[in-house]
Amino acid sequence: MPASDVQTDQATDQPADQPAILVDHVSKIFGSRRAVDDLSLSIPHGAFLSIFGPNGAGKTTLLRMLATLSRPSEGRIVLGGIDIKEHPEQAREHVGLISHRSMLYDDLTAYENLMIAARLYGVENPDARVRKLLDAVELSHRSMDVVRTFSRGMTQRISIARALVADPDLVLLDEPYSGLDPHAVDVFDQIIATVREGRTFVMVSHDMDKGLAACSHVLVMARGRKAAFAKKEEIDFDAFSAFYKKTVGMGVA
């Protein structure tokens, strides 16, 4: 599948010294519980961050804030120079989210689902963009079938197309391998590899092998806090494996 099938001619016009993601002393508070607690990170453009941690560590809460679906209770998040509290709609234009939940309308066709997303984002020539993406995820032949008739792997491919419809700079992946069979995993990996150049990725995953294979940076969270953060080339993997097992044993706050 050629990269041109998914990518567009848009260029990311952002200063080289400005991070793709700046998380500055961010907390998310639910009642008396700090789901994310005073977290700070800086992720460069083109990086692939894999986030690990036990259930309840704050991983998905962080991803929801990066996706502008939830606002920080404290601190700030800046995506490509855009403060998400001050300009959430502008920030959202640069973000694509792929989740283990499809976020698709089951009773609409694949084409209709993508057209809704394209029109919401104001994509120029939406029909051409949608057909290009359907071809890229190898589902043109099922474009007029309703999504509820699709397999889990096919649904995930449409979810990828939906996330990429506005050609986002930042792609967020929330447990994207959940429920996929081996063939669907291979197809998913191929598509992500095709669109990786020029974009920044953040993936939450319990699959350490997949997460480490894909990433350039690693974040381990526990009890809402940053337990470890490093570039992949700086990691001693034997020590990291032992550390991660200990961190998972910490459980939730």
Protein backbone atom coordinates (compact mmCIF):
# COMPACT_ATOMS: atom_id res chain seq x y z
CA MET A 1 0.00 0.00 0.00
CA PRO A 2 1.77 3.20 -1.10
CA ALA A 3 2.08 5.98 1.46
CA SER A 4 0.44 8.40 -0.95
CA ASP A 5 -2.81 6.48 -0.56
CA VAL A 6 -3.18 7.84 2.96
CA GLN A 7 -1.04 10.93 3.25
CA THR A 8 -1.90 14.28 1.74
CA ASP A 9 0.22 17.14 0.51
CA GLN A 10 -0.32 19.12 3.70
CA ALA A 11 2.85 20.07 5.56
CA THR A 12 3.24 20.58 9.28
CA ASP A 13 4.43 24.18 9.57
CA GLN A 14 5.65 24.37 13.15
CA PRO A 15 8.93 25.57 14.71
CA ALA A 16 11.47 22.78 15.08
CA ASP A 17 12.21 23.73 18.71
CA GLN A 18 8.53 23.68 19.73
CA PRO A 19 7.39 20.31 21.11
CA ALA A 20 4.47 18.48 19.55
CA ILE A 21 3.10 17.89 23.06
CA LEU A 22 3.77 19.87 26.21
CA VAL A 23 2.18 18.58 29.41
CA ASP A 24 2.91 21.12 32.14
CA HIS A 25 2.12 20.09 35.75
CA VAL A 26 -1.20 18.56 34.69
CA SER A 27 -3.63 16.99 37.13
CA LYS A 28 -7.10 15.58 36.57
CA ILE A 29 -9.21 15.37 39.71
CA PHE A 30 -12.43 13.40 40.20
CA GLY A 31 -13.82 14.19 43.64
CA SER A 32 -11.04 13.32 46.07
CA ARG A 33 -9.14 11.17 43.54
CA ARG A 34 -6.29 12.43 41.36
CA ALA A 35 -6.51 10.29 38.23
CA VAL A 36 -3.50 12.21 36.85
CA ASP A 37 -1.26 13.87 39.42
CA ASP A 38 1.14 16.72 38.56
CA LEU A 39 2.38 15.22 35.30
CA SER A 40 4.92 17.03 33.10
CA LEU A 41 6.20 15.83 29.71
CA SER A 42 7.65 17.25 26.51
CA ILE A 43 7.33 15.15 23.33
CA PRO A 44 9.10 16.21 20.11
CA HIS A 45 7.52 16.23 16.66
CA GLY A 46 7.61 12.86 14.92
CA ALA A 47 8.01 10.91 18.17
CA PHE A 48 6.05 7.78 19.06
CA LEU A 49 5.27 7.65 22.77
CA SER A 50 4.10 4.37 24.27
CA ILE A 51 2.39 4.63 27.67
CA PHE A 52 2.37 1.65 30.03
CA GLY A 53 1.02 1.13 33.52
CA PRO A 54 -1.46 -0.83 35.63
CA ASN A 55 -5.21 -0.41 35.40
CA GLY A 56 -6.22 2.86 37.00
CA ALA A 57 -2.81 4.45 36.47
CA GLY A 58 -4.26 7.43 34.59
CA LYS A 59 -3.20 6.41 31.07
CA THR A 60 -6.58 6.75 29.37
CA THR A 61 -7.40 9.88 31.38
CA LEU A 62 -4.23 11.46 30.02
CA LEU A 63 -5.10 10.36 26.48
CA ARG A 64 -8.59 11.84 26.79
CA MET A 65 -7.08 15.17 27.80
CA LEU A 66 -4.68 15.07 24.85
CA ALA A 67 -7.68 14.36 22.62
CA THR A 68 -9.43 17.46 24.07
CA LEU A 69 -12.28 15.23 25.30
CA SER A 70 -11.50 16.22 28.89
CA ARG A 71 -9.89 19.33 30.36
CA PRO A 72 -7.11 19.32 32.96
CA SER A 73 -8.18 20.28 36.47
CA GLU A 74 -4.75 21.85 36.98
CA GLY A 75 -1.84 22.71 34.71
CA ARG A 76 -1.87 23.07 30.95
CA ILE A 77 -1.51 21.00 27.78
CA VAL A 78 -0.13 22.58 24.61
CA LEU A 79 -0.38 20.71 21.30
CA GLY A 80 1.83 22.13 18.55
CA GLY A 81 1.80 25.52 20.21
CA ILE A 82 -1.98 25.52 20.84
CA ASP A 83 -3.18 25.61 24.46
CA ILE A 84 -6.10 23.19 24.64
CA LYS A 85 -7.86 25.13 27.40
CA GLU A 86 -7.75 28.39 25.49
CA HIS A 87 -8.34 27.02 21.98
CA PRO A 88 -9.86 23.50 22.24
CA GLU A 89 -11.52 23.53 18.82
CA GLN A 90 -8.34 24.68 17.08
CA ALA A 91 -6.30 22.02 18.89
CA ARG A 92 -8.87 19.33 18.03
CA GLU A 93 -8.35 19.95 14.32
CA HIS A 94 -4.82 18.56 14.66
CA VAL A 95 -5.74 15.38 16.57
CA GLY A 96 -6.91 11.95 15.42
CA LEU A 97 -8.06 9.33 17.95
CA ILE A 98 -8.08 5.56 17.39
CA SER A 99 -9.58 3.57 20.25
CA HIS A 100 -10.57 0.00 21.06
CA ARG A 101 -14.07 1.52 20.88
CA SER A 102 -14.83 2.21 17.24
CA MET A 103 -16.68 5.53 17.78
CA LEU A 104 -18.53 4.73 14.54
CA TYR A 105 -22.26 4.70 13.80
CA ASP A 106 -23.08 1.00 13.45
CA ASP A 107 -26.19 1.54 11.30
CA LEU A 108 -24.44 3.80 8.78
CA THR A 109 -22.18 2.63 5.99
CA ALA A 110 -18.41 2.93 6.06
CA TYR A 111 -18.65 5.71 3.47
CA GLU A 112 -21.31 7.59 5.46
CA ASN A 113 -19.28 7.39 8.67
CA LEU A 114 -16.22 8.86 6.99
CA MET A 115 -18.21 11.54 5.18
CA ILE A 116 -19.71 12.72 8.48
CA ALA A 117 -16.20 13.08 9.93
CA ALA A 118 -14.88 14.80 6.80
CA ARG A 119 -17.70 17.35 6.79
CA LEU A 120 -17.37 18.03 10.53
CA TYR A 121 -13.69 18.84 9.98
CA GLY A 122 -14.41 20.91 6.88
CA VAL A 123 -12.24 18.71 4.66
CA GLU A 124 -11.86 20.05 1.14
CA ASN A 125 -13.37 17.71 -1.47
CA PRO A 126 -14.59 15.23 1.18
CA ASP A 127 -15.79 12.58 -1.30
CA ALA A 128 -12.32 12.23 -2.82
CA ARG A 129 -10.67 12.13 0.61
CA VAL A 130 -13.07 9.47 1.89
CA ARG A 131 -12.65 7.27 -1.18
CA LYS A 132 -8.86 7.60 -0.94
CA LEU A 133 -8.92 6.48 2.68
CA LEU A 134 -11.29 3.58 1.99
CA ASP A 135 -8.89 2.39 -0.66
CA ALA A 136 -5.93 2.82 1.69
CA VAL A 137 -7.50 0.61 4.38
CA GLU A 138 -8.55 -1.90 1.70
CA LEU A 139 -12.29 -1.54 2.27
CA SER A 140 -13.48 0.18 -0.90
CA HIS A 141 -15.43 -2.95 -1.78
CA ARG A 142 -17.40 -2.65 1.50
CA SER A 143 -17.87 1.12 1.42
CA MET A 144 -21.68 0.92 1.12
CA ASP A 145 -22.13 -1.81 3.76
CA VAL A 146 -23.30 -0.84 7.24
CA VAL A 147 -20.60 -1.00 9.90
CA ARG A 148 -22.49 -3.44 12.13
CA THR A 149 -21.85 -6.15 9.51
CA PHE A 150 -18.06 -5.71 9.77
CA SER A 151 -15.59 -7.87 11.67
CA ARG A 152 -13.62 -6.34 14.53
CA GLY A 153 -10.57 -5.93 12.29
CA MET A 154 -12.56 -4.24 9.53
CA THR A 155 -14.21 -1.91 12.02
CA GLN A 156 -10.79 -0.94 13.34
CA ARG A 157 -9.60 -0.15 9.81
CA ILE A 158 -12.55 2.20 9.32
CA SER A 159 -11.70 3.76 12.69
CA ILE A 160 -8.18 4.43 11.41
CA ALA A 161 -9.57 6.04 8.28
CA ARG A 162 -11.92 8.20 10.38
CA ALA A 163 -9.03 9.32 12.60
CA LEU A 164 -6.95 10.29 9.56
CA VAL A 165 -9.69 12.02 7.58
CA ALA A 166 -8.49 15.53 8.51
CA ASP A 167 -4.79 14.62 8.11
CA PRO A 168 -3.93 15.16 11.81
CA ASP A 169 -0.46 16.00 13.10
CA LEU A 170 -1.07 14.00 16.30
CA VAL A 171 -2.53 10.47 16.34
CA LEU A 172 -3.68 8.98 19.65
CA LEU A 173 -4.07 5.22 20.05
CA ASP A 174 -6.02 3.80 23.01
CA GLU A 175 -5.46 0.04 23.30
CA PRO A 176 -5.78 -0.29 19.50
CA TYR A 177 -4.92 -4.02 19.43
CA SER A 178 -7.70 -5.03 21.81
CA GLY A 179 -9.81 -7.80 20.24
CA LEU A 180 -7.89 -7.98 16.96
CA ASP A 181 -6.95 -11.33 15.42
CA PRO A 182 -3.35 -11.83 14.15
CA HIS A 183 -4.19 -10.87 10.56
CA ALA A 184 -5.99 -7.71 11.68
CA VAL A 185 -2.98 -6.83 13.85
CA ASP A 186 -0.69 -7.15 10.82
CA VAL A 187 -2.96 -4.96 8.68
CA PHE A 188 -3.19 -2.38 11.46
CA ASP A 189 0.61 -2.27 11.83
CA GLN A 190 1.06 -1.82 8.08
CA ILE A 191 -1.35 1.10 7.97
CA ILE A 192 0.25 2.83 10.96
CA ALA A 193 3.71 2.37 9.42
CA THR A 194 2.42 3.92 6.20
CA VAL A 195 1.15 7.09 7.88
CA ARG A 196 3.82 7.43 10.56
CA GLU A 197 6.16 9.84 8.77
CA GLY A 198 5.58 13.47 9.72
CA ARG A 199 3.17 12.69 12.55
CA THR A 200 3.45 12.32 16.30
CA PHE A 201 1.90 9.25 17.94
CA VAL A 202 0.85 8.47 21.50
CA MET A 203 -0.27 4.92 22.29
CA VAL A 204 -1.69 3.48 25.51
CA SER A 205 -1.11 -0.26 25.60
CA HIS A 206 -0.89 -3.26 27.93
CA ASP A 207 1.08 -5.09 25.21
CA MET A 208 4.68 -4.31 26.13
CA ASP A 209 6.17 -6.05 23.08
CA LYS A 210 4.00 -4.08 20.64
CA GLY A 211 4.45 -0.85 22.52
CA LEU A 212 8.22 -1.10 22.71
CA ALA A 213 8.57 -2.21 19.08
CA ALA A 214 6.72 0.86 17.81
CA CYS A 215 7.91 3.59 20.12
CA SER A 216 10.68 6.16 20.27
CA HIS A 217 9.80 7.23 23.84
CA VAL A 218 8.37 5.33 26.83
CA LEU A 219 6.22 6.60 29.69
CA VAL A 220 5.28 4.39 32.66
CA MET A 221 2.47 5.68 34.86
CA ALA A 222 1.36 4.49 38.29
CA ARG A 223 -1.27 6.03 40.57
CA GLY A 224 -1.63 8.97 38.22
CA ARG A 225 2.05 9.88 38.31
CA LYS A 226 5.06 9.54 36.05
CA ALA A 227 6.96 6.48 37.27
CA ALA A 228 9.46 6.56 34.39
CA PHE A 229 10.02 8.46 31.15
CA ALA A 230 12.85 7.92 28.66
CA LYS A 231 13.87 7.60 25.05
CA LYS A 232 13.84 3.97 23.94
CA GLU A 233 17.55 3.91 23.16
CA GLU A 234 18.30 4.89 26.76
CA ILE A 235 16.44 1.91 28.23
CA ASP A 236 18.08 -1.16 29.77
CA PHE A 237 15.36 -3.62 28.79
CA ASP A 238 16.13 -6.24 31.46
CA ALA A 239 15.96 -3.61 34.17
CA PHE A 240 12.90 -2.04 32.55
CA SER A 241 11.03 -5.36 32.51
CA ALA A 242 11.66 -5.85 36.22
CA PHE A 243 10.71 -2.25 36.97
CA TYR A 244 7.51 -2.54 34.97
CA LYS A 245 6.43 -5.71 36.76
CA LYS A 246 6.96 -3.94 40.08
CA THR A 247 5.01 -0.91 38.83
CA VAL A 248 2.07 -3.03 37.66
CA GLY A 249 2.03 -4.59 41.14
CA MET A 250 1.44 -1.13 42.59
CA GLY A 251 -2.09 -1.15 41.23
CA VAL A 252 -4.31 1.87 41.65
CA ALA A 253 -4.23 4.56 44.30
